[in-house]
Amino acid sequence: MGKAGLTHAAKWVLITGVMALTGACTTPGSGPSDLAPNPPASPPTEEGCAANAYQHFVGQRIGEIHIESLPAPLRIYATTDMITMDYRMERMNIVTTPEGVVVEVKCG
């Protein structure tokens, strides 16, 4: 790694992992479960994933969303992250700003 430190993508992976572990250690009434629940997961449609059901995430911080209840496959990335260009119609993508605000929810 050298003196340059972690890349933005590596930081995101590290932060996401820490968030997942932290969430597993909370007690009722002390974490994201206090937030309004996500709507029930919609199954993929003939057009692709269930992104239309989650457009209300736009403008929210990614940390406020209960990720574990979202349908799989799911990919979360910032607009500045490098991602693969494979297109998977059944995969829901949540795109955030580098600061973690959701700017787009789409299939692909």
Protein backbone atom coordinates (compact mmCIF):
# COMPACT_ATOMS: atom_id res chain seq x y z
CA MET A 1 0.00 0.00 0.00
CA GLY A 2 2.85 2.41 0.63
CA LYS A 3 2.51 5.97 1.81
CA ALA A 4 -0.42 6.73 -0.50
CA GLY A 5 -2.85 4.98 1.87
CA LEU A 6 -6.16 3.44 0.96
CA THR A 7 -7.95 4.18 -2.29
CA HIS A 8 -11.47 5.58 -2.17
CA ALA A 9 -12.88 2.17 -3.11
CA ALA A 10 -10.86 0.44 -0.38
CA LYS A 11 -12.08 2.99 2.18
CA TRP A 12 -15.68 2.39 1.08
CA VAL A 13 -15.27 -1.38 1.46
CA LEU A 14 -13.70 -0.90 4.90
CA ILE A 15 -16.42 1.51 6.05
CA THR A 16 -19.18 -0.77 4.75
CA GLY A 17 -17.65 -3.73 6.57
CA VAL A 18 -17.37 -1.79 9.81
CA MET A 19 -20.97 -0.61 9.44
CA ALA A 20 -22.13 -4.20 8.95
CA LEU A 21 -20.22 -5.40 11.99
CA THR A 22 -21.39 -2.48 14.10
CA GLY A 23 -24.99 -3.13 13.12
CA ALA A 24 -24.67 -6.75 14.21
CA CYS A 25 -23.61 -5.60 17.70
CA THR A 26 -26.43 -3.16 18.42
CA THR A 27 -29.33 -3.77 20.74
CA PRO A 28 -32.97 -3.00 19.88
CA GLY A 29 -33.60 0.72 19.98
CA SER A 30 -29.96 1.68 19.40
CA GLY A 31 -29.39 1.75 15.67
CA PRO A 32 -30.75 1.79 12.14
CA SER A 33 -33.69 -0.38 13.19
CA ASP A 34 -35.12 2.79 14.76
CA LEU A 35 -35.43 4.29 11.30
CA ALA A 36 -38.52 3.82 9.20
CA PRO A 37 -38.35 0.34 7.68
CA ASN A 38 -37.76 -0.11 3.99
CA PRO A 39 -40.82 -1.21 2.06
CA PRO A 40 -41.11 -4.95 1.53
CA ALA A 41 -38.65 -6.21 -1.05
CA SER A 42 -40.22 -6.29 -4.47
CA PRO A 43 -39.32 -9.22 -6.66
CA PRO A 44 -37.53 -8.47 -9.91
CA THR A 45 -39.94 -7.59 -12.67
CA GLU A 46 -39.88 -8.53 -16.32
CA GLU A 47 -38.14 -5.19 -16.91
CA GLY A 48 -35.39 -6.01 -14.41
CA CYS A 49 -34.83 -5.24 -10.74
CA ALA A 50 -37.10 -3.53 -8.22
CA ALA A 51 -35.40 -0.11 -8.46
CA ASN A 52 -38.68 1.72 -9.08
CA ALA A 53 -39.89 0.72 -5.61
CA TYR A 54 -36.84 2.38 -4.00
CA GLN A 55 -36.73 5.80 -5.67
CA HIS A 56 -37.57 7.37 -2.29
CA PHE A 57 -33.94 6.65 -1.27
CA VAL A 58 -32.74 9.51 -3.50
CA GLY A 59 -31.58 12.32 -1.23
CA GLN A 60 -31.11 10.05 1.82
CA ARG A 61 -27.74 9.19 3.33
CA ILE A 62 -26.72 5.59 2.60
CA GLY A 63 -26.13 5.04 6.33
CA GLU A 64 -29.83 5.70 6.99
CA ILE A 65 -30.94 2.82 4.75
CA HIS A 66 -31.37 -0.69 6.14
CA ILE A 67 -29.25 -2.41 3.46
CA GLU A 68 -29.85 -5.95 4.74
CA SER A 69 -33.55 -5.77 3.84
CA LEU A 70 -32.95 -4.85 0.20
CA PRO A 71 -33.34 -7.39 -2.59
CA ALA A 72 -30.25 -9.10 -3.98
CA PRO A 73 -28.28 -8.75 -6.11
CA LEU A 74 -27.36 -5.26 -4.97
CA ARG A 75 -24.42 -2.95 -5.71
CA ILE A 76 -23.72 0.30 -3.86
CA TYR A 77 -21.10 2.71 -5.14
CA ALA A 78 -20.18 6.38 -5.22
CA THR A 79 -20.10 8.41 -8.42
CA THR A 80 -16.31 8.61 -8.10
CA ASP A 81 -15.78 4.84 -7.62
CA MET A 82 -14.44 2.60 -10.34
CA ILE A 83 -16.92 -0.17 -11.11
CA THR A 84 -17.21 -3.02 -13.56
CA MET A 85 -19.23 -2.26 -16.65
CA ASP A 86 -21.08 -5.58 -16.69
CA TYR A 87 -24.80 -5.03 -17.06
CA ARG A 88 -27.05 -7.27 -14.98
CA MET A 89 -30.69 -6.33 -15.42
CA GLU A 90 -31.70 -8.09 -12.18
CA ARG A 91 -29.13 -6.16 -10.06
CA MET A 92 -30.19 -3.00 -8.25
CA ASN A 93 -27.55 -0.25 -8.10
CA ILE A 94 -27.60 2.50 -5.48
CA VAL A 95 -25.36 5.36 -6.56
CA THR A 96 -24.18 7.87 -3.97
CA THR A 97 -22.13 11.03 -3.83
CA PRO A 98 -18.64 10.62 -2.33
CA GLU A 99 -20.21 11.92 0.90
CA GLY A 100 -22.78 9.08 0.94
CA VAL A 101 -25.96 10.79 -0.29
CA VAL A 102 -28.02 8.65 -2.69
CA VAL A 103 -28.32 10.28 -6.11
CA GLU A 104 -29.73 7.39 -8.16
CA VAL A 105 -31.35 3.98 -7.82
CA LYS A 106 -31.34 1.93 -11.00
CA CYS A 107 -31.14 -1.54 -12.49
CA GLY A 108 -27.99 -2.79 -14.11
